[in-house]
């Protein structure tokens, strides 16, 4: 886990992500930590949901949010975990990104601790392709993309071509 914790890089956030972070701050901290634990164990399972419909309904009423807001919050947490795994973002970078996105200090700290505890397992699950629906083999290519770029004192060249392989 030391390699993950050392990185202070961050990841890009959207308006929707920042909105979800502000909503997540209203969740009771012990419950939020339990939700993070569940997400950590399921984030690599691409074709499944984090919670059953009845669990989601119960969580939405427990947290006082609409089902759509809950879905946005869970997806934001999943996105953060995926970005940390794919970009080797450490706990410090994650916490800083969440604070910048509007999450409260206690919740950002809980998220950091969850990542530092579960992060290596999440990375291993993604790497091993142990998720349902995870594809380890390229099955085909339908498009070819070529990009030429250049810069000289005379002119800038930017040319992109794409063609479909039939």
N, C-alpha and C. Protein backbone atom coordinates (compact mmCIF):
# COMPACT_ATOMS: atom_id res chain seq x y z
N UNK A 1 0.82 -1.19 0.00
CA UNK A 1 0.00 0.00 0.00
C UNK A 1 0.86 1.25 0.00
N UNK A 2 2.13 1.13 0.29
CA UNK A 2 2.99 2.30 0.37
C UNK A 2 3.06 3.05 -0.95
N UNK A 3 3.08 2.35 -2.08
CA UNK A 3 3.15 3.02 -3.37
C UNK A 3 1.91 3.86 -3.62
N UNK A 4 0.76 3.39 -3.19
CA UNK A 4 -0.47 4.15 -3.38
C UNK A 4 -0.50 5.36 -2.47
N UNK A 5 -0.07 5.20 -1.25
CA UNK A 5 -0.14 6.29 -0.28
C UNK A 5 0.82 7.42 -0.61
N UNK A 6 1.88 7.12 -1.35
CA UNK A 6 2.89 8.13 -1.63
C UNK A 6 2.43 9.15 -2.67
N UNK A 7 1.51 8.79 -3.55
CA UNK A 7 1.09 9.68 -4.61
C UNK A 7 0.15 10.76 -4.09
N UNK A 8 0.43 12.01 -4.43
CA UNK A 8 -0.44 13.12 -4.04
C UNK A 8 -1.19 13.68 -5.25
N UNK A 9 -1.18 12.93 -6.34
CA UNK A 9 -1.91 13.36 -7.54
C UNK A 9 -3.40 13.41 -7.23
N UNK A 10 -4.13 14.14 -8.07
CA UNK A 10 -5.58 14.18 -7.92
C UNK A 10 -6.21 13.74 -9.23
N UNK A 11 -7.52 13.85 -9.33
CA UNK A 11 -8.22 13.44 -10.54
C UNK A 11 -9.26 14.51 -10.87
N UNK A 12 -9.72 14.55 -12.12
CA UNK A 12 -10.68 15.59 -12.53
C UNK A 12 -12.05 15.35 -11.91
N UNK A 13 -12.74 16.44 -11.61
CA UNK A 13 -14.09 16.35 -11.06
C UNK A 13 -15.04 17.18 -11.92
N UNK A 14 -16.30 16.83 -11.85
CA UNK A 14 -17.34 17.54 -12.60
C UNK A 14 -18.27 18.26 -11.64
N UNK A 15 -19.16 19.05 -12.19
CA UNK A 15 -20.16 19.73 -11.37
C UNK A 15 -21.03 18.72 -10.63
N UNK A 16 -21.40 17.67 -11.31
CA UNK A 16 -22.23 16.63 -10.69
C UNK A 16 -21.49 15.93 -9.55
N UNK A 17 -20.21 15.67 -9.75
CA UNK A 17 -19.39 15.05 -8.70
C UNK A 17 -19.33 15.96 -7.49
N UNK A 18 -19.08 17.25 -7.72
CA UNK A 18 -18.99 18.20 -6.61
C UNK A 18 -20.32 18.32 -5.87
N UNK A 19 -21.42 18.28 -6.61
CA UNK A 19 -22.74 18.32 -5.98
C UNK A 19 -22.94 17.08 -5.10
N UNK A 20 -22.54 15.93 -5.60
CA UNK A 20 -22.66 14.69 -4.83
C UNK A 20 -21.80 14.75 -3.57
N UNK A 21 -20.61 15.33 -3.67
CA UNK A 21 -19.73 15.45 -2.50
C UNK A 21 -20.38 16.30 -1.41
N UNK A 22 -21.06 17.37 -1.81
CA UNK A 22 -21.74 18.20 -0.82
C UNK A 22 -22.89 17.43 -0.15
N UNK A 23 -23.60 16.62 -0.93
CA UNK A 23 -24.69 15.82 -0.37
C UNK A 23 -24.12 14.75 0.57
N UNK A 24 -23.03 14.11 0.17
CA UNK A 24 -22.42 13.06 0.99
C UNK A 24 -22.04 13.57 2.37
N UNK A 25 -21.69 14.84 2.48
CA UNK A 25 -21.30 15.43 3.75
C UNK A 25 -22.45 15.40 4.75
N UNK A 26 -23.69 15.32 4.26
CA UNK A 26 -24.85 15.29 5.17
C UNK A 26 -25.11 13.89 5.72
N UNK A 27 -24.47 12.87 5.17
CA UNK A 27 -24.68 11.49 5.64
C UNK A 27 -24.00 11.33 7.01
N UNK A 28 -24.62 10.62 7.94
CA UNK A 28 -23.95 10.35 9.22
C UNK A 28 -22.64 9.60 8.97
N UNK A 29 -21.59 10.03 9.63
CA UNK A 29 -20.25 9.50 9.37
C UNK A 29 -20.14 7.98 9.54
N UNK A 30 -20.69 7.37 10.60
CA UNK A 30 -20.58 5.91 10.72
C UNK A 30 -21.26 5.18 9.55
N UNK A 31 -22.42 5.68 9.14
CA UNK A 31 -23.12 5.06 8.01
C UNK A 31 -22.35 5.26 6.72
N UNK A 32 -21.76 6.44 6.55
CA UNK A 32 -20.97 6.73 5.36
C UNK A 32 -19.79 5.77 5.27
N UNK A 33 -19.14 5.51 6.39
CA UNK A 33 -18.01 4.57 6.39
C UNK A 33 -18.45 3.17 5.99
N UNK A 34 -19.64 2.76 6.43
CA UNK A 34 -20.17 1.44 6.05
C UNK A 34 -20.47 1.38 4.56
N UNK A 35 -21.01 2.46 4.02
CA UNK A 35 -21.29 2.53 2.58
C UNK A 35 -19.98 2.42 1.80
N UNK A 36 -18.94 3.12 2.26
CA UNK A 36 -17.65 3.06 1.57
C UNK A 36 -17.08 1.64 1.58
N UNK A 37 -17.25 0.96 2.69
CA UNK A 37 -16.75 -0.42 2.77
C UNK A 37 -17.45 -1.30 1.74
N UNK A 38 -18.75 -1.15 1.60
CA UNK A 38 -19.51 -1.92 0.61
C UNK A 38 -19.07 -1.56 -0.81
N UNK A 39 -18.92 -0.26 -1.07
CA UNK A 39 -18.49 0.17 -2.40
C UNK A 39 -17.11 -0.37 -2.74
N UNK A 40 -16.22 -0.37 -1.76
CA UNK A 40 -14.86 -0.86 -1.99
C UNK A 40 -14.84 -2.31 -2.42
N UNK A 41 -15.79 -3.08 -1.92
CA UNK A 41 -15.82 -4.50 -2.26
C UNK A 41 -16.51 -4.77 -3.59
N UNK A 42 -17.21 -3.77 -4.15
CA UNK A 42 -17.98 -4.01 -5.36
C UNK A 42 -17.63 -3.09 -6.53
N UNK A 43 -16.75 -2.14 -6.35
CA UNK A 43 -16.49 -1.14 -7.40
C UNK A 43 -15.95 -1.77 -8.68
N UNK A 44 -15.25 -2.87 -8.58
CA UNK A 44 -14.69 -3.51 -9.77
C UNK A 44 -15.71 -4.36 -10.53
N UNK A 45 -16.88 -4.56 -9.97
CA UNK A 45 -17.93 -5.37 -10.61
C UNK A 45 -18.77 -4.48 -11.52
N UNK A 46 -18.29 -4.26 -12.70
CA UNK A 46 -18.89 -3.29 -13.62
C UNK A 46 -20.37 -3.50 -13.91
N UNK A 47 -20.81 -4.72 -14.05
CA UNK A 47 -22.19 -4.93 -14.51
C UNK A 47 -23.17 -5.13 -13.36
N UNK A 48 -22.75 -4.84 -12.15
CA UNK A 48 -23.67 -4.99 -11.03
C UNK A 48 -23.87 -3.65 -10.34
N UNK A 49 -24.87 -3.60 -9.48
CA UNK A 49 -25.11 -2.40 -8.70
C UNK A 49 -24.47 -2.57 -7.33
N UNK A 50 -24.28 -1.45 -6.66
CA UNK A 50 -23.65 -1.50 -5.35
C UNK A 50 -24.60 -2.06 -4.29
N UNK A 51 -25.89 -1.74 -4.42
CA UNK A 51 -26.89 -2.17 -3.46
C UNK A 51 -28.11 -2.69 -4.20
N UNK A 52 -28.86 -3.56 -3.55
CA UNK A 52 -30.11 -4.05 -4.13
C UNK A 52 -31.12 -2.90 -4.13
N UNK A 53 -32.18 -3.00 -4.92
CA UNK A 53 -33.20 -1.93 -4.92
C UNK A 53 -33.79 -1.67 -3.54
N UNK A 54 -34.02 -2.71 -2.76
CA UNK A 54 -34.59 -2.49 -1.42
C UNK A 54 -33.57 -1.82 -0.49
N UNK A 55 -32.30 -2.20 -0.62
CA UNK A 55 -31.25 -1.55 0.18
C UNK A 55 -31.11 -0.08 -0.21
N UNK A 56 -31.16 0.19 -1.51
CA UNK A 56 -31.05 1.57 -1.99
C UNK A 56 -32.21 2.42 -1.48
N UNK A 57 -33.40 1.87 -1.50
CA UNK A 57 -34.57 2.58 -1.00
C UNK A 57 -34.43 2.88 0.49
N UNK A 58 -33.95 1.90 1.23
CA UNK A 58 -33.74 2.07 2.67
C UNK A 58 -32.67 3.13 2.94
N UNK A 59 -31.57 3.08 2.19
CA UNK A 59 -30.51 4.07 2.37
C UNK A 59 -30.99 5.47 2.04
N UNK A 60 -31.75 5.61 0.96
CA UNK A 60 -32.25 6.93 0.56
C UNK A 60 -33.11 7.54 1.67
N UNK A 61 -33.98 6.73 2.25
CA UNK A 61 -34.82 7.26 3.33
C UNK A 61 -34.00 7.51 4.60
N UNK A 62 -33.03 6.65 4.88
CA UNK A 62 -32.17 6.84 6.06
C UNK A 62 -31.37 8.13 5.95
N UNK A 63 -30.87 8.44 4.75
CA UNK A 63 -30.04 9.63 4.56
C UNK A 63 -30.85 10.86 4.19
N UNK A 64 -32.15 10.70 3.96
CA UNK A 64 -33.00 11.84 3.63
C UNK A 64 -32.72 12.43 2.26
N UNK A 65 -32.43 11.56 1.30
CA UNK A 65 -32.17 12.01 -0.07
C UNK A 65 -33.10 11.26 -1.02
N UNK A 66 -33.23 11.78 -2.22
CA UNK A 66 -34.03 11.09 -3.23
C UNK A 66 -33.23 9.91 -3.78
N UNK A 67 -33.90 8.94 -4.39
CA UNK A 67 -33.17 7.83 -5.00
C UNK A 67 -32.15 8.30 -6.05
N UNK A 68 -32.49 9.34 -6.80
CA UNK A 68 -31.55 9.87 -7.80
C UNK A 68 -30.32 10.49 -7.13
N UNK A 69 -30.53 11.23 -6.04
CA UNK A 69 -29.40 11.81 -5.32
C UNK A 69 -28.52 10.70 -4.73
N UNK A 70 -29.14 9.66 -4.19
CA UNK A 70 -28.37 8.54 -3.66
C UNK A 70 -27.55 7.89 -4.77
N UNK A 71 -28.17 7.68 -5.90
CA UNK A 71 -27.46 7.08 -7.04
C UNK A 71 -26.28 7.95 -7.46
N UNK A 72 -26.48 9.26 -7.52
CA UNK A 72 -25.38 10.17 -7.86
C UNK A 72 -24.26 10.08 -6.84
N UNK A 73 -24.62 10.01 -5.56
CA UNK A 73 -23.61 9.93 -4.50
C UNK A 73 -22.82 8.63 -4.58
N UNK A 74 -23.52 7.51 -4.78
CA UNK A 74 -22.84 6.22 -4.89
C UNK A 74 -21.94 6.19 -6.12
N UNK A 75 -22.44 6.73 -7.23
CA UNK A 75 -21.63 6.76 -8.45
C UNK A 75 -20.41 7.67 -8.29
N UNK A 76 -20.56 8.77 -7.55
CA UNK A 76 -19.42 9.66 -7.30
C UNK A 76 -18.36 8.94 -6.47
N UNK A 77 -18.80 8.20 -5.46
CA UNK A 77 -17.85 7.43 -4.64
C UNK A 77 -17.15 6.37 -5.49
N UNK A 78 -17.92 5.67 -6.31
CA UNK A 78 -17.33 4.66 -7.20
C UNK A 78 -16.34 5.28 -8.17
N UNK A 79 -16.70 6.45 -8.71
CA UNK A 79 -15.80 7.16 -9.63
C UNK A 79 -14.49 7.51 -8.92
N UNK A 80 -14.59 8.02 -7.70
CA UNK A 80 -13.39 8.40 -6.96
C UNK A 80 -12.50 7.18 -6.72
N UNK A 81 -13.09 6.06 -6.34
CA UNK A 81 -12.30 4.85 -6.12
C UNK A 81 -11.66 4.36 -7.41
N UNK A 82 -12.41 4.39 -8.51
CA UNK A 82 -11.85 3.97 -9.80
C UNK A 82 -10.70 4.87 -10.21
N UNK A 83 -10.88 6.19 -10.07
CA UNK A 83 -9.83 7.12 -10.46
C UNK A 83 -8.58 6.93 -9.62
N UNK A 84 -8.76 6.66 -8.34
CA UNK A 84 -7.60 6.40 -7.48
C UNK A 84 -6.87 5.15 -7.95
N UNK A 85 -7.63 4.13 -8.31
CA UNK A 85 -7.02 2.87 -8.75
C UNK A 85 -6.31 3.04 -10.09
N UNK A 86 -6.97 3.67 -11.05
CA UNK A 86 -6.41 3.81 -12.39
C UNK A 86 -5.26 4.80 -12.45
N UNK A 87 -5.32 5.84 -11.63
CA UNK A 87 -4.32 6.92 -11.70
C UNK A 87 -3.30 6.87 -10.58
N UNK A 88 -3.32 5.83 -9.77
CA UNK A 88 -2.40 5.70 -8.63
C UNK A 88 -2.45 6.91 -7.71
N UNK A 89 -3.65 7.39 -7.46
CA UNK A 89 -3.83 8.50 -6.53
C UNK A 89 -3.77 7.95 -5.12
N UNK A 90 -2.99 8.57 -4.28
CA UNK A 90 -2.87 8.12 -2.90
C UNK A 90 -3.92 8.76 -2.00
N UNK A 91 -3.88 8.40 -0.74
CA UNK A 91 -4.86 8.91 0.22
C UNK A 91 -4.85 10.42 0.35
N UNK A 92 -3.67 11.01 0.35
CA UNK A 92 -3.57 12.46 0.49
C UNK A 92 -4.18 13.18 -0.71
N UNK A 93 -3.88 12.69 -1.91
CA UNK A 93 -4.44 13.29 -3.12
C UNK A 93 -5.95 13.13 -3.17
N UNK A 94 -6.44 11.97 -2.76
CA UNK A 94 -7.88 11.72 -2.72
C UNK A 94 -8.55 12.69 -1.75
N UNK A 95 -8.01 12.80 -0.55
CA UNK A 95 -8.61 13.68 0.45
C UNK A 95 -8.62 15.13 -0.03
N UNK A 96 -7.52 15.57 -0.61
CA UNK A 96 -7.44 16.95 -1.11
C UNK A 96 -8.48 17.19 -2.21
N UNK A 97 -8.62 16.22 -3.13
CA UNK A 97 -9.59 16.34 -4.21
C UNK A 97 -11.01 16.43 -3.66
N UNK A 98 -11.32 15.59 -2.69
CA UNK A 98 -12.66 15.59 -2.11
C UNK A 98 -12.94 16.88 -1.35
N UNK A 99 -11.95 17.38 -0.63
CA UNK A 99 -12.13 18.66 0.07
C UNK A 99 -12.35 19.79 -0.93
N UNK A 100 -11.57 19.80 -2.00
CA UNK A 100 -11.73 20.82 -3.05
C UNK A 100 -13.09 20.72 -3.72
N UNK A 101 -13.66 19.51 -3.74
CA UNK A 101 -14.96 19.29 -4.38
C UNK A 101 -16.12 19.64 -3.44
N UNK A 102 -15.83 19.99 -2.20
CA UNK A 102 -16.88 20.42 -1.28
C UNK A 102 -17.28 19.42 -0.22
N UNK A 103 -16.55 18.31 -0.12
CA UNK A 103 -16.87 17.32 0.92
C UNK A 103 -16.29 17.82 2.25
N UNK A 104 -17.00 17.55 3.33
CA UNK A 104 -16.53 17.95 4.65
C UNK A 104 -15.28 17.19 5.07
N UNK A 105 -14.53 17.77 6.01
CA UNK A 105 -13.26 17.18 6.44
C UNK A 105 -13.42 15.77 7.01
N UNK A 106 -14.43 15.56 7.84
CA UNK A 106 -14.62 14.25 8.45
C UNK A 106 -14.91 13.18 7.41
N UNK A 107 -15.74 13.50 6.43
CA UNK A 107 -16.10 12.54 5.39
C UNK A 107 -14.93 12.30 4.44
N UNK A 108 -14.20 13.36 4.11
CA UNK A 108 -13.02 13.20 3.24
C UNK A 108 -11.96 12.35 3.95
N UNK A 109 -11.81 12.57 5.26
CA UNK A 109 -10.87 11.76 6.04
C UNK A 109 -11.29 10.30 6.10
N UNK A 110 -12.59 10.06 6.25
CA UNK A 110 -13.09 8.67 6.26
C UNK A 110 -12.85 8.01 4.91
N UNK A 111 -13.03 8.77 3.84
CA UNK A 111 -12.80 8.24 2.49
C UNK A 111 -11.32 7.92 2.33
N UNK A 112 -10.46 8.80 2.82
CA UNK A 112 -9.01 8.56 2.74
C UNK A 112 -8.64 7.28 3.49
N UNK A 113 -9.15 7.13 4.70
CA UNK A 113 -8.84 5.93 5.49
C UNK A 113 -9.34 4.67 4.79
N UNK A 114 -10.53 4.75 4.20
CA UNK A 114 -11.07 3.59 3.48
C UNK A 114 -10.18 3.24 2.30
N UNK A 115 -9.72 4.26 1.56
CA UNK A 115 -8.85 4.01 0.41
C UNK A 115 -7.52 3.42 0.87
N UNK A 116 -6.95 3.98 1.93
CA UNK A 116 -5.66 3.47 2.41
C UNK A 116 -5.78 2.03 2.91
N UNK A 117 -6.94 1.66 3.43
CA UNK A 117 -7.14 0.30 3.92
C UNK A 117 -7.48 -0.66 2.79
N UNK A 118 -8.36 -0.26 1.88
CA UNK A 118 -8.90 -1.15 0.85
C UNK A 118 -8.29 -0.94 -0.54
N UNK A 119 -7.53 0.13 -0.72
CA UNK A 119 -7.05 0.51 -2.05
C UNK A 119 -6.27 -0.56 -2.78
N UNK A 120 -5.35 -1.21 -2.11
CA UNK A 120 -4.55 -2.23 -2.79
C UNK A 120 -5.42 -3.38 -3.27
N UNK A 121 -6.41 -3.75 -2.48
CA UNK A 121 -7.34 -4.81 -2.91
C UNK A 121 -8.16 -4.38 -4.12
N UNK A 122 -8.57 -3.13 -4.15
CA UNK A 122 -9.33 -2.61 -5.30
C UNK A 122 -8.47 -2.65 -6.55
N UNK A 123 -7.23 -2.17 -6.43
CA UNK A 123 -6.31 -2.19 -7.57
C UNK A 123 -6.10 -3.61 -8.05
N UNK A 124 -5.89 -4.54 -7.13
CA UNK A 124 -5.69 -5.94 -7.51
C UNK A 124 -6.91 -6.51 -8.22
N UNK A 125 -8.10 -6.17 -7.73
CA UNK A 125 -9.32 -6.66 -8.38
C UNK A 125 -9.44 -6.14 -9.81
N UNK A 126 -9.12 -4.86 -10.01
CA UNK A 126 -9.15 -4.32 -11.37
C UNK A 126 -8.08 -4.98 -12.24
N UNK A 127 -6.90 -5.14 -11.68
CA UNK A 127 -5.79 -5.72 -12.45
C UNK A 127 -6.07 -7.16 -12.83
N UNK A 128 -6.63 -7.92 -11.90
CA UNK A 128 -6.91 -9.33 -12.15
C UNK A 128 -8.13 -9.55 -13.02
N UNK A 129 -8.91 -8.49 -13.22
CA UNK A 129 -10.12 -8.65 -14.02
C UNK A 129 -11.14 -9.53 -13.34
N UNK A 130 -11.18 -9.48 -12.02
CA UNK A 130 -12.08 -10.37 -11.29
C UNK A 130 -13.50 -9.85 -11.22
N UNK A 131 -13.80 -8.80 -11.97
CA UNK A 131 -15.15 -8.26 -11.97
C UNK A 131 -16.05 -8.94 -12.99
N UNK A 132 -17.32 -9.00 -12.68
CA UNK A 132 -18.30 -9.54 -13.62
C UNK A 132 -18.33 -8.61 -14.82
N UNK A 133 -18.25 -9.17 -16.00
CA UNK A 133 -18.31 -8.36 -17.20
C UNK A 133 -16.98 -7.74 -17.59
N UNK A 134 -15.93 -8.02 -16.84
CA UNK A 134 -14.63 -7.48 -17.17
C UNK A 134 -14.06 -8.24 -18.35
N UNK A 135 -13.58 -7.52 -19.33
CA UNK A 135 -13.01 -8.14 -20.52
C UNK A 135 -11.50 -8.00 -20.47
N UNK A 136 -10.81 -9.10 -20.58
CA UNK A 136 -9.36 -9.08 -20.55
C UNK A 136 -8.75 -9.14 -21.94
N UNK A 137 -9.58 -9.36 -22.97
CA UNK A 137 -9.07 -9.55 -24.32
C UNK A 137 -9.80 -8.60 -25.26
N UNK A 138 -9.03 -7.93 -26.13
CA UNK A 138 -9.66 -7.10 -27.14
C UNK A 138 -10.36 -8.01 -28.14
N UNK A 139 -11.62 -7.75 -28.37
CA UNK A 139 -12.40 -8.61 -29.25
C UNK A 139 -12.47 -8.10 -30.68
N UNK A 140 -12.13 -6.87 -30.91
CA UNK A 140 -12.18 -6.36 -32.27
C UNK A 140 -11.95 -4.87 -32.32
N UNK A 141 -11.70 -4.39 -33.51
CA UNK A 141 -11.48 -2.97 -33.74
C UNK A 141 -12.35 -2.55 -34.91
N UNK A 142 -13.11 -1.49 -34.71
CA UNK A 142 -13.96 -1.02 -35.79
C UNK A 142 -13.48 0.29 -36.39
N UNK A 143 -12.64 1.00 -35.67
CA UNK A 143 -12.20 2.31 -36.13
C UNK A 143 -10.68 2.40 -36.04
N UNK A 144 -10.13 3.19 -36.92
CA UNK A 144 -8.71 3.51 -36.88
C UNK A 144 -8.60 5.02 -36.77
N UNK A 145 -7.81 5.50 -35.85
CA UNK A 145 -7.65 6.94 -35.64
C UNK A 145 -6.19 7.30 -35.81
N UNK A 146 -5.93 8.27 -36.66
CA UNK A 146 -4.58 8.76 -36.85
C UNK A 146 -4.52 10.24 -36.54
N UNK A 147 -3.54 10.67 -35.78
CA UNK A 147 -3.41 12.08 -35.43
C UNK A 147 -2.01 12.53 -35.80
N UNK A 148 -1.93 13.58 -36.58
CA UNK A 148 -0.65 14.21 -36.92
C UNK A 148 -0.65 15.60 -36.30
N UNK A 149 0.39 15.90 -35.55
CA UNK A 149 0.50 17.23 -34.95
C UNK A 149 1.92 17.71 -35.13
N UNK A 150 2.04 18.98 -35.36
CA UNK A 150 3.36 19.55 -35.50
C UNK A 150 3.32 21.04 -35.23
N UNK A 151 4.45 21.60 -34.91
CA UNK A 151 4.53 23.02 -34.63
C UNK A 151 5.88 23.50 -35.13
N UNK A 152 5.85 24.50 -35.97
CA UNK A 152 7.09 25.10 -36.43
C UNK A 152 6.90 26.60 -36.41
N UNK A 153 7.93 27.32 -36.73
CA UNK A 153 7.84 28.77 -36.78
C UNK A 153 6.91 29.26 -37.87
N UNK A 154 6.65 28.43 -38.86
CA UNK A 154 5.83 28.85 -40.00
C UNK A 154 4.35 28.55 -39.78
N UNK A 155 4.02 27.34 -39.33
CA UNK A 155 2.61 27.00 -39.16
C UNK A 155 2.44 25.88 -38.13
N UNK A 156 1.23 25.79 -37.64
CA UNK A 156 0.84 24.69 -36.76
C UNK A 156 0.07 23.68 -37.58
N UNK A 157 0.32 22.42 -37.35
CA UNK A 157 -0.38 21.37 -38.07
C UNK A 157 -1.15 20.52 -37.07
N UNK A 158 -2.42 20.40 -37.31
CA UNK A 158 -3.26 19.50 -36.52
C UNK A 158 -4.18 18.80 -37.50
N UNK A 159 -4.01 17.54 -37.63
CA UNK A 159 -4.80 16.78 -38.59
C UNK A 159 -5.19 15.45 -37.97
N UNK A 160 -6.47 15.24 -37.87
CA UNK A 160 -6.96 13.96 -37.35
C UNK A 160 -7.79 13.29 -38.43
N UNK A 161 -7.56 12.01 -38.60
CA UNK A 161 -8.36 11.24 -39.55
C UNK A 161 -8.88 9.99 -38.86
N UNK A 162 -10.10 9.67 -39.16
CA UNK A 162 -10.69 8.45 -38.60
C UNK A 162 -11.38 7.71 -39.73
N UNK A 163 -11.23 6.41 -39.72
CA UNK A 163 -11.93 5.62 -40.73
C UNK A 163 -12.45 4.35 -40.10
N UNK A 164 -13.57 3.93 -40.61
CA UNK A 164 -14.21 2.71 -40.11
C UNK A 164 -13.67 1.53 -40.90
N UNK A 165 -13.33 0.47 -40.18
CA UNK A 165 -12.87 -0.75 -40.82
C UNK A 165 -14.08 -1.61 -41.09
N UNK A 166 -14.33 -1.91 -42.33
CA UNK A 166 -15.48 -2.76 -42.69
C UNK A 166 -15.04 -4.12 -43.13
